[in-house]
Amino acid sequence: MSGVPDPDVVIDVHHATVSRAWVELVGYHVATGTDDDFTAFVDRHPALLDKRLLARHYRSSTLASAEARTGWVEPDLKPLPRDLGQLHPFQGV
């Protein structure tokens, strides 16, 4: 039957570097504030809603690599913020 996914075919859509980078970015910003709800958090950190955010930190070719898909690859454009003193509040992420 065409158009119906084959239940015996497994497609791995997990991307290790993208997943970890997003977790690190969100975790960093959670640690920088005292927001009680998601709306307040998003209002303080609107850049986290930008689907192109990782392009500030990684070249597209780096994220497209097999190494990045299957394991952690450090950013090659701009480091991810990792300590509270690393990010000035007006610089964005």
Protein backbone atom coordinates (compact mmCIF):
# COMPACT_ATOMS: atom_id res chain seq x y z
CA MET A 1 0.00 0.00 0.00
CA SER A 2 1.60 3.29 -0.98
CA GLY A 3 1.79 6.22 1.41
CA VAL A 4 1.64 4.02 4.50
CA PRO A 5 4.79 3.84 6.63
CA ASP A 6 6.32 0.40 6.96
CA PRO A 7 6.26 -0.49 10.68
CA ASP A 8 9.36 -2.66 10.21
CA VAL A 9 11.48 0.26 8.99
CA VAL A 10 13.18 2.27 11.72
CA ILE A 11 14.34 5.76 10.86
CA ASP A 12 16.73 7.33 13.32
CA VAL A 13 15.89 11.02 13.53
CA HIS A 14 17.82 11.66 16.75
CA HIS A 15 20.59 14.23 16.37
CA ALA A 16 22.93 14.06 19.35
CA THR A 17 24.60 17.45 18.95
CA VAL A 18 21.40 19.37 18.23
CA SER A 19 19.64 17.75 21.19
CA ARG A 20 22.44 18.43 23.63
CA ALA A 21 23.04 21.99 22.40
CA TRP A 22 19.37 22.88 22.92
CA VAL A 23 19.37 21.29 26.37
CA GLU A 24 22.50 23.25 27.30
CA LEU A 25 21.11 26.55 26.00
CA VAL A 26 17.76 26.17 27.74
CA GLY A 27 19.39 24.88 30.93
CA TYR A 28 21.77 27.81 31.02
CA HIS A 29 18.92 30.29 30.73
CA VAL A 30 16.81 28.49 33.32
CA ALA A 31 19.73 28.85 35.72
CA THR A 32 20.01 32.59 35.05
CA GLY A 33 16.51 33.51 36.14
CA THR A 34 13.74 33.04 38.60
CA ASP A 35 10.81 32.83 36.20
CA ASP A 36 7.84 31.02 37.70
CA ASP A 37 6.20 30.04 34.44
CA PHE A 38 6.99 29.31 30.83
CA THR A 39 5.51 32.55 29.50
CA ALA A 40 7.75 34.65 31.73
CA PHE A 41 10.74 32.51 30.75
CA VAL A 42 10.05 32.96 27.03
CA ASP A 43 9.46 36.67 27.47
CA ARG A 44 12.93 36.98 29.06
CA HIS A 45 14.65 34.73 26.49
CA PRO A 46 12.88 35.12 23.11
CA ALA A 47 16.00 33.99 21.22
CA LEU A 48 15.31 30.47 22.44
CA LEU A 49 12.26 30.40 20.16
CA ASP A 50 14.43 31.05 17.09
CA LYS A 51 14.82 27.78 15.20
CA ARG A 52 18.01 29.21 13.65
CA LEU A 53 19.62 29.79 17.05
CA LEU A 54 22.14 26.98 16.61
CA ALA A 55 23.35 28.64 13.38
CA ARG A 56 24.94 31.29 15.61
CA HIS A 57 27.08 28.57 17.16
CA TYR A 58 27.55 25.96 14.40
CA ARG A 59 28.23 25.93 10.68
CA SER A 60 25.52 24.03 8.82
CA SER A 61 28.13 21.64 7.46
CA THR A 62 29.20 20.81 11.00
CA LEU A 63 25.67 19.96 12.09
CA ALA A 64 25.13 17.95 8.90
CA SER A 65 28.09 15.69 9.65
CA ALA A 66 27.68 12.09 10.73
CA GLU A 67 29.84 12.83 13.76
CA ALA A 68 27.42 15.55 14.94
CA ARG A 69 24.38 13.36 14.36
CA THR A 70 25.75 10.45 16.35
CA GLY A 71 27.77 12.20 19.08
CA TRP A 72 28.63 15.53 20.67
CA VAL A 73 30.49 18.10 18.57
CA GLU A 74 31.59 21.38 20.13
CA PRO A 75 30.36 24.58 18.44
CA ASP A 76 32.67 25.82 15.70
CA LEU A 77 31.47 29.44 15.44
CA LYS A 78 30.64 30.65 18.95
CA PRO A 79 30.85 28.68 22.20
CA LEU A 80 27.65 27.87 24.04
CA PRO A 81 27.28 29.79 27.29
CA ARG A 82 28.20 27.48 30.14
CA ASP A 83 28.72 29.64 33.19
CA LEU A 84 26.67 32.51 34.46
CA GLY A 85 29.44 35.06 33.95
CA GLN A 86 29.93 34.21 30.27
CA LEU A 87 26.83 35.85 28.81
CA HIS A 88 26.18 39.57 29.07
CA PRO A 89 22.41 40.13 29.29
CA PHE A 90 22.36 42.39 26.23
CA GLN A 91 24.39 40.16 23.93
CA GLY A 92 21.80 37.45 23.37
CA VAL A 93 22.76 33.82 22.97
